[in-house]
Amino acid sequence: MDAVELLQGLVRIPSPNPPGDTIAVADFVAEQMRAIGCEVRQPAPPQKSKARNTIATLGMGEPRVMLHAHIDTVPIGATEAQKWSVDPYAGEVRDGALYGKGSIDDKAVLASMMQVMQDAARQEEQKGLNGTLILVAAAEEEVGGQLGTKWLADDGHLPVCDFIVVGEQTGNKVATAHKGVLRATVRTTGKSVHATNPDRGVNAIVAMSKIIAALERYHHDLSRLIHPVVGVPTCNIGLIAGGSTANAVPDACAIQLDRRMIPGEKPEEVVGELRAVVESLHLEPATASIGDFVYSRWFDSPLNTDHARCFMDCVRRRLDDDPGPVGYLPGSDAKHLMDLARGDMIIFGPGSYEVAHAADEHVRLEDYAQTTDILRDFVRRTLYAN
């Protein structure tokens, strides 16, 4: 099948997460890779057997190059479904673009990587490869990757590599970092009384308003820190809940916050900063607490190896433009692969993440072809025997 048909084949296999059943799409990738002579494995975590991954390998020895993309997508919500102008699982081509759920996130770059594997398989058969090429089609990225790439890495299914390409939407520029995130819940407790005499009670929402104002000041103070490609840390309050009726003083309120961390920030220090903000306030007789911390790691790579310089040159030559580096604002599975990167790791792929997770998701075929060309050129220059 040609490049368009390959991508259509992936898009036409729904893989929304939740529920995260990737068996069919993982099997499609495995079938294509076995057909060209790859060694193929399909591990799945025992906690979620339907979160099937596919790992295909060509060649042997060093250097080792990993091409990684995820095979799950976000689900289509009821509101989004009404906004699609095409069948989201048909892979329709229109005006130079291929439409479909997962077309840009993340199946276009996966299809590009599969084409590179096909090309490398022909090279291995004819002249051999000077090293190992590994394709990882991973489950669970859209829900954090704990039972996907992180499980694959922790359980020993993935090797240490000299260069890793994590497929995501970077406009075919080279992204070398993304932020981490620390989420937390703040709770205030007061005393409920009838609203006719509120001064006899303790209003938990009023107490929370003081915390919210302090967190907003903290957010602005964070702008003193800056990373060269991902910018500044942030603190956002995304959810609030409190009270039960307008004619009662609320005795409880809770907010959930999202603290984005730039590379180099330590989660334990950020937890300390957030605790200090809450504990510095005089809220008596109300009380406040912060907890339920959930941390997701940041990613950063220095681009200081020959492989990285080669990849940058491949991008520069194909785009006739500055290859970067740039930052990638969403998170990715790169954070789970940092301990496996003996050399550099980058995030790379066609299109923009702003098109993903939305109605009429699509990839421009020109961008898709550029991705394939750049990856193919890099693998040829890195692994092909003369």
Protein backbone atom coordinates (compact mmCIF):
# COMPACT_ATOMS: atom_id res chain seq x y z
CA MET A 1 0.00 0.00 0.00
CA ASP A 2 1.15 3.56 -0.67
CA ALA A 3 1.69 6.28 1.94
CA VAL A 4 -1.89 7.55 1.91
CA GLU A 5 -3.37 4.06 2.08
CA LEU A 6 -1.10 3.19 5.00
CA LEU A 7 -2.25 6.20 7.00
CA GLN A 8 -5.88 5.52 6.07
CA GLY A 9 -5.45 1.97 7.34
CA LEU A 10 -4.36 3.29 10.74
CA VAL A 11 -7.08 5.96 10.96
CA ARG A 12 -9.81 3.47 10.02
CA ILE A 13 -9.04 1.45 13.16
CA PRO A 14 -10.58 3.34 16.11
CA SER A 15 -8.36 3.37 19.19
CA PRO A 16 -9.94 5.86 21.63
CA ASN A 17 -8.60 6.07 25.17
CA PRO A 18 -10.60 5.61 27.26
CA PRO A 19 -11.29 2.76 27.00
CA GLY A 20 -7.78 2.21 25.56
CA ASP A 21 -8.25 -1.00 23.58
CA THR A 22 -5.34 -0.91 21.11
CA ILE A 23 -5.34 -4.56 20.09
CA ALA A 24 -6.62 -4.00 16.54
CA VAL A 25 -4.32 -1.10 15.67
CA ALA A 26 -1.30 -2.77 17.32
CA ASP A 27 -2.00 -5.91 15.29
CA PHE A 28 -2.22 -3.85 12.09
CA VAL A 29 1.23 -2.40 12.75
CA ALA A 30 2.59 -5.82 13.67
CA GLU A 31 1.22 -7.40 10.48
CA GLN A 32 2.85 -4.73 8.33
CA MET A 33 6.18 -5.07 10.13
CA ARG A 34 6.24 -8.88 10.04
CA ALA A 35 5.57 -8.73 6.30
CA ILE A 36 8.86 -6.88 5.74
CA GLY A 37 10.91 -9.21 7.95
CA CYS A 38 11.03 -7.38 11.29
CA GLU A 39 11.34 -9.17 14.58
CA VAL A 40 8.04 -8.27 16.25
CA ARG A 41 6.94 -8.39 19.88
CA GLN A 42 3.59 -7.29 21.32
CA PRO A 43 3.78 -6.88 25.09
CA ALA A 44 0.83 -5.69 27.14
CA PRO A 45 0.67 -4.91 30.86
CA PRO A 46 -1.07 -7.55 32.98
CA GLN A 47 -3.17 -4.81 34.59
CA LYS A 48 -4.65 -3.90 31.20
CA SER A 49 -4.22 -6.64 28.62
CA LYS A 50 -6.05 -4.68 25.91
CA ALA A 51 -3.37 -1.96 26.02
CA ARG A 52 -1.31 -3.84 23.46
CA ASN A 53 1.94 -2.38 22.13
CA THR A 54 3.97 -3.36 19.08
CA ILE A 55 7.78 -3.30 18.99
CA ALA A 56 9.47 -4.06 15.65
CA THR A 57 13.23 -4.43 15.23
CA LEU A 58 15.58 -4.51 12.26
CA GLY A 59 19.33 -5.09 12.31
CA MET A 60 21.58 -5.65 15.30
CA GLY A 61 24.34 -4.00 17.27
CA GLU A 62 25.09 -0.33 17.66
CA PRO A 63 24.14 2.41 17.16
CA ARG A 64 20.54 1.85 18.20
CA VAL A 65 17.91 4.25 16.88
CA MET A 66 14.35 4.22 18.24
CA LEU A 67 11.33 5.60 16.40
CA HIS A 68 8.44 5.96 18.85
CA ALA A 69 4.80 6.94 18.30
CA HIS A 70 1.59 6.25 20.19
CA ILE A 71 -1.38 4.35 18.80
CA ASP A 72 -4.17 5.48 21.12
CA THR A 73 -6.24 8.61 20.54
CA VAL A 74 -8.54 10.72 22.63
CA PRO A 75 -12.21 9.72 22.36
CA ILE A 76 -14.76 11.71 20.38
CA GLY A 77 -17.10 13.48 22.77
CA ALA A 78 -20.78 14.08 22.04
CA THR A 79 -20.29 17.79 21.37
CA GLU A 80 -17.26 17.18 19.16
CA ALA A 81 -19.08 14.47 17.18
CA GLN A 82 -21.66 17.01 16.05
CA LYS A 83 -18.94 19.26 14.62
CA TRP A 84 -17.21 16.75 12.33
CA SER A 85 -17.85 17.47 8.64
CA VAL A 86 -16.57 14.01 7.60
CA ASP A 87 -16.65 10.49 9.01
CA PRO A 88 -13.89 10.64 11.66
CA TYR A 89 -12.83 7.06 10.92
CA ALA A 90 -12.91 7.12 7.11
CA GLY A 91 -9.55 8.75 6.40
CA GLU A 92 -11.07 11.00 3.76
CA VAL A 93 -8.67 13.01 1.61
CA ARG A 94 -9.83 16.53 0.80
CA ASP A 95 -7.98 19.63 -0.41
CA GLY A 96 -4.55 18.13 0.15
CA ALA A 97 -5.23 16.85 3.66
CA LEU A 98 -6.25 13.53 5.22
CA TYR A 99 -9.00 13.83 7.84
CA GLY A 100 -9.70 11.53 10.75
CA LYS A 101 -9.47 11.04 14.49
CA GLY A 102 -5.82 10.36 15.25
CA SER A 103 -4.66 11.46 11.80
CA ILE A 104 -2.32 14.09 13.24
CA ASP A 105 -2.12 12.72 16.79
CA ASP A 106 -0.37 10.40 16.35
CA LYS A 107 -0.92 8.18 13.34
CA ALA A 108 0.66 10.33 10.62
CA VAL A 109 4.10 10.22 12.21
CA LEU A 110 3.61 6.53 12.98
CA ALA A 111 2.85 5.88 9.31
CA SER A 112 5.98 7.83 8.35
CA MET A 113 8.03 5.70 10.74
CA MET A 114 6.52 2.51 9.29
CA GLN A 115 7.55 3.63 5.79
CA VAL A 116 11.08 4.22 7.06
CA MET A 117 11.08 0.69 8.49
CA GLN A 118 9.99 -0.65 5.08
CA ASP A 119 12.83 1.19 3.39
CA ALA A 120 15.32 -0.03 5.99
CA ALA A 121 14.11 -3.62 5.56
CA ARG A 122 15.01 -3.46 1.86
CA GLN A 123 18.40 -2.05 2.76
CA GLU A 124 19.03 -4.78 5.33
CA GLU A 125 18.16 -7.47 2.80
CA GLN A 126 20.44 -6.01 0.14
CA LYS A 127 23.44 -4.59 2.00
CA GLY A 128 22.73 -4.84 5.71
CA LEU A 129 22.34 -2.20 8.40
CA ASN A 130 25.12 -0.71 10.47
CA GLY A 131 23.16 -0.89 13.71
CA THR A 132 19.64 -1.44 15.00
CA LEU A 133 16.39 0.31 14.10
CA ILE A 134 13.49 -0.07 16.52
CA LEU A 135 9.87 0.99 15.98
CA VAL A 136 7.72 1.37 19.10
CA ALA A 137 3.96 1.74 18.59
CA ALA A 138 2.85 2.46 22.13
CA ALA A 139 -0.48 2.38 23.92
CA GLU A 140 -1.77 4.61 26.74
CA GLU A 141 -0.05 7.93 25.89
CA GLU A 142 -3.30 9.87 25.98
CA VAL A 143 -3.84 8.94 29.64
CA GLY A 144 -0.28 9.54 30.79
CA GLY A 145 1.61 6.49 29.55
CA GLN A 146 1.89 4.74 32.91
CA LEU A 147 0.68 1.44 31.44
CA GLY A 148 2.18 2.20 28.04
CA THR A 149 5.67 3.54 27.46
CA LYS A 150 6.53 3.82 31.15
CA TRP A 151 5.55 0.19 31.70
CA LEU A 152 7.51 -0.88 28.60
CA ALA A 153 10.61 0.91 29.87
CA ASP A 154 10.31 -0.20 33.49
CA ASP A 155 9.54 -3.82 32.58
CA GLY A 156 12.61 -4.13 30.34
CA HIS A 157 10.90 -4.28 26.95
CA LEU A 158 12.87 -1.36 25.50
CA PRO A 159 16.65 -1.09 25.03
CA VAL A 160 18.96 1.79 25.79
CA CYS A 161 19.34 3.74 22.54
CA ASP A 162 21.81 6.16 21.01
CA PHE A 163 19.07 8.33 19.52
CA ILE A 164 15.31 8.43 20.07
CA VAL A 165 12.66 10.18 17.98
CA VAL A 166 9.33 10.59 19.78
CA GLY A 167 6.61 11.32 17.26
CA GLU A 168 4.36 14.26 18.06
CA GLN A 169 3.17 17.45 16.34
CA THR A 170 6.06 19.90 16.01
CA GLY A 171 5.52 21.32 12.51
CA ASN A 172 8.48 19.16 11.44
CA LYS A 173 10.78 21.23 13.65
CA VAL A 174 13.03 19.61 16.26
CA ALA A 175 11.59 19.91 19.78
CA THR A 176 13.99 19.27 22.62
CA ALA A 177 11.92 19.94 25.74
CA HIS A 178 8.48 19.98 27.25
CA LYS A 179 7.19 21.03 30.65
CA GLY A 180 6.30 18.75 33.50
CA VAL A 181 3.15 19.11 35.54
CA LEU A 182 2.34 18.92 39.22
CA ARG A 183 -1.35 18.81 40.11
CA ALA A 184 -2.72 19.41 43.59
CA THR A 185 -5.96 19.92 45.49
CA VAL A 186 -6.45 22.71 48.03
CA ARG A 187 -9.28 22.40 50.57
CA THR A 188 -10.71 24.93 53.00
CA THR A 189 -13.00 24.11 55.90
CA GLY A 190 -15.37 26.47 57.69
CA LYS A 191 -18.64 26.36 59.62
CA SER A 192 -22.05 26.25 58.00
CA VAL A 193 -24.92 28.39 59.29
CA HIS A 194 -28.05 29.94 57.80
CA ALA A 195 -27.30 32.78 55.40
CA THR A 196 -29.57 35.13 57.33
CA ASN A 197 -26.74 35.60 59.86
CA PRO A 198 -23.52 34.71 58.02
CA ASP A 199 -21.19 36.29 60.58
CA ARG A 200 -21.97 33.41 62.95
CA GLY A 201 -20.44 30.98 60.47
CA VAL A 202 -17.08 30.57 58.78
CA ASN A 203 -17.25 30.87 54.99
CA ALA A 204 -14.96 28.31 53.32
CA ILE A 205 -15.39 29.95 49.90
CA VAL A 206 -14.28 33.35 51.23
CA ALA A 207 -11.24 31.68 52.76
CA MET A 208 -10.52 29.99 49.42
CA SER A 209 -10.77 33.33 47.61
CA LYS A 210 -7.75 34.52 49.60
CA ILE A 211 -5.82 31.41 48.58
CA ILE A 212 -6.79 31.90 44.95
CA ALA A 213 -5.54 35.49 45.04
CA ALA A 214 -2.25 34.34 46.59
CA LEU A 215 -1.83 31.62 43.97
CA GLU A 216 -2.44 34.18 41.22
CA ARG A 217 0.35 36.36 42.66
CA TYR A 218 2.56 33.25 42.81
CA HIS A 219 1.77 32.51 39.15
CA HIS A 220 2.94 35.97 38.11
CA ASP A 221 6.08 35.70 40.26
CA LEU A 222 7.05 32.54 38.35
CA SER A 223 7.77 34.61 35.25
CA ARG A 224 11.19 35.38 36.70
CA LEU A 225 12.17 31.82 35.68
CA ILE A 226 12.56 31.04 31.99
CA HIS A 227 13.67 28.10 29.87
CA PRO A 228 15.10 28.87 26.42
CA VAL A 229 12.57 26.77 24.47
CA VAL A 230 9.53 26.12 26.69
CA GLY A 231 9.30 29.51 28.38
CA VAL A 232 8.10 30.15 31.92
CA PRO A 233 6.49 28.00 34.62
CA THR A 234 2.80 28.58 35.30
CA CYS A 235 0.17 27.94 37.94
CA ASN A 236 -3.46 27.63 36.85
CA ILE A 237 -6.58 27.02 38.94
CA GLY A 238 -8.78 24.88 36.74
CA LEU A 239 -11.58 23.61 38.98
CA ILE A 240 -13.48 24.87 42.02
CA ALA A 241 -16.29 23.32 44.06
CA GLY A 242 -17.95 24.56 47.21
CA GLY A 243 -21.24 25.15 48.94
CA SER A 244 -24.62 23.56 48.41
CA THR A 245 -27.11 26.44 48.28
CA ALA A 246 -27.14 30.23 48.23
CA ASN A 247 -28.91 30.49 51.60
CA ALA A 248 -26.24 28.72 53.62
CA VAL A 249 -22.68 29.63 54.57
CA PRO A 250 -20.48 26.99 52.93
CA ASP A 251 -18.36 24.89 55.25
CA ALA A 252 -16.17 23.35 52.54
CA CYS A 253 -14.48 24.43 49.32
CA ALA A 254 -11.88 22.77 47.07
CA ILE A 255 -9.83 23.79 44.07
CA GLN A 256 -7.62 21.78 41.76
CA LEU A 257 -4.53 23.46 40.38
CA ASP A 258 -2.09 22.71 37.59
CA ARG A 259 1.52 23.81 38.11
CA ARG A 260 3.57 23.53 34.91
CA MET A 261 7.26 22.95 35.62
CA ILE A 262 10.12 23.88 33.32
CA PRO A 263 13.08 21.52 32.95
CA GLY A 264 15.32 21.69 35.98
CA GLU A 265 12.58 22.33 38.53
CA LYS A 266 12.30 19.69 41.24
CA PRO A 267 8.85 18.44 42.26
CA GLU A 268 9.67 18.40 45.96
CA GLU A 269 10.68 22.06 45.78
CA VAL A 270 7.51 23.00 43.90
CA VAL A 271 5.42 21.17 46.51
CA GLY A 272 7.21 23.24 49.15
CA GLU A 273 6.44 26.46 47.27
CA LEU A 274 2.75 25.62 47.05
CA ARG A 275 2.55 24.66 50.71
CA ALA A 276 4.25 27.93 51.61
CA VAL A 277 1.68 29.94 49.66
CA VAL A 278 -1.22 28.27 51.46
CA GLU A 279 0.36 28.27 54.92
CA SER A 280 1.43 31.93 54.72
CA LEU A 281 -2.18 33.13 54.84
CA HIS A 282 -4.11 33.99 57.99
CA LEU A 283 -7.45 32.30 57.41
CA GLU A 284 -8.55 31.66 60.99
CA PRO A 285 -11.03 30.47 62.06
CA ALA A 286 -11.15 28.69 58.66
CA THR A 287 -8.55 26.01 58.02
CA ALA A 288 -6.80 25.02 54.81
CA SER A 289 -4.80 22.09 53.49
CA ILE A 290 -3.07 21.14 50.24
CA GLY A 291 -2.45 17.60 49.02
CA ASP A 292 -3.30 14.92 46.44
CA PHE A 293 -0.12 15.76 44.53
CA VAL A 294 0.30 14.06 41.14
CA TYR A 295 3.53 14.63 39.22
CA SER A 296 4.36 14.11 35.56
CA ARG A 297 7.99 14.52 34.55
CA TRP A 298 9.41 17.21 32.26
CA PHE A 299 11.70 16.36 29.35
CA ASP A 300 14.86 18.08 28.15
CA SER A 301 17.62 17.05 25.73
CA PRO A 302 20.76 19.06 24.91
CA LEU A 303 21.33 18.15 21.21
CA ASN A 304 25.06 17.65 21.66
CA THR A 305 25.69 14.41 19.74
CA ASP A 306 26.61 13.68 16.13
CA HIS A 307 23.23 11.96 15.68
CA ALA A 308 21.41 15.10 16.82
CA ARG A 309 23.45 17.31 14.53
CA CYS A 310 22.75 14.93 11.64
CA PHE A 311 19.00 15.04 12.31
CA MET A 312 19.02 18.83 12.46
CA ASP A 313 20.81 18.90 9.11
CA CYS A 314 18.22 16.54 7.60
CA VAL A 315 15.43 18.88 8.70
CA ARG A 316 17.26 21.98 7.49
CA ARG A 317 17.88 20.50 4.05
CA ARG A 318 14.31 19.25 3.56
CA LEU A 319 12.51 22.34 4.87
CA ASP A 320 15.10 24.89 3.72
CA ASP A 321 14.39 26.55 7.05
CA ASP A 322 15.66 26.77 10.62
CA PRO A 323 15.12 23.33 12.19
CA GLY A 324 14.92 24.61 15.74
CA PRO A 325 15.25 23.66 18.50
CA VAL A 326 11.75 24.48 19.68
CA GLY A 327 9.69 23.61 22.73
CA TYR A 328 6.71 21.27 22.73
CA LEU A 329 3.96 22.69 24.93
CA PRO A 330 1.92 19.51 25.63
CA GLY A 331 3.47 16.55 27.39
CA SER A 332 4.65 13.38 25.65
CA ASP A 333 6.02 9.90 26.21
CA ALA A 334 9.54 11.34 25.96
CA LYS A 335 9.49 11.81 29.74
CA HIS A 336 9.26 8.03 30.18
CA LEU A 337 12.24 7.36 27.89
CA MET A 338 14.83 9.69 29.39
CA ASP A 339 16.63 6.89 31.22
CA LEU A 340 16.93 4.93 27.96
CA ALA A 341 18.53 7.76 25.97
CA ARG A 342 22.25 7.12 25.95
CA GLY A 343 22.52 10.00 23.47
CA ASP A 344 19.94 12.60 22.55
CA MET A 345 16.17 12.36 22.21
CA ILE A 346 13.90 14.66 20.23
CA ILE A 347 10.19 15.18 19.64
CA PHE A 348 9.33 15.45 15.97
CA GLY A 349 6.43 15.13 13.57
CA PRO A 350 4.07 16.89 11.19
CA GLY A 351 1.41 19.47 11.91
CA SER A 352 0.31 21.26 15.06
CA TYR A 353 -1.06 19.89 18.33
CA GLU A 354 -3.71 22.63 18.06
CA VAL A 355 -5.40 20.53 15.33
CA ALA A 356 -5.40 17.45 17.55
CA HIS A 357 -8.18 16.61 20.05
CA ALA A 358 -10.69 18.53 17.93
CA ALA A 359 -13.34 18.09 15.25
CA ASP A 360 -12.03 17.68 11.70
CA GLU A 361 -8.57 16.67 12.88
CA HIS A 362 -6.34 16.36 9.82
CA VAL A 363 -2.81 16.24 8.49
CA ARG A 364 -1.62 18.02 5.37
CA LEU A 365 -0.25 15.40 2.99
CA GLU A 366 2.69 17.66 2.13
CA ASP A 367 3.67 17.82 5.81
CA TYR A 368 3.25 14.06 6.15
CA ALA A 369 5.56 13.49 3.16
CA GLN A 370 8.14 15.88 4.63
CA THR A 371 8.17 13.91 7.88
CA THR A 372 8.77 10.67 6.01
CA ASP A 373 11.55 12.18 3.91
CA ILE A 374 13.37 13.62 6.93
CA LEU A 375 13.17 10.41 8.97
CA ARG A 376 14.24 8.33 5.98
CA ASP A 377 17.21 10.60 5.26
CA PHE A 378 18.33 10.45 8.87
CA VAL A 379 18.12 6.66 9.06
CA ARG A 380 19.97 6.29 5.76
CA ARG A 381 22.79 8.56 6.90
CA THR A 382 22.98 6.89 10.31
CA LEU A 383 22.44 3.17 9.74
CA TYR A 384 22.84 2.30 6.06
CA ALA A 385 25.91 0.41 4.95
CA ASN A 386 27.75 1.76 1.91
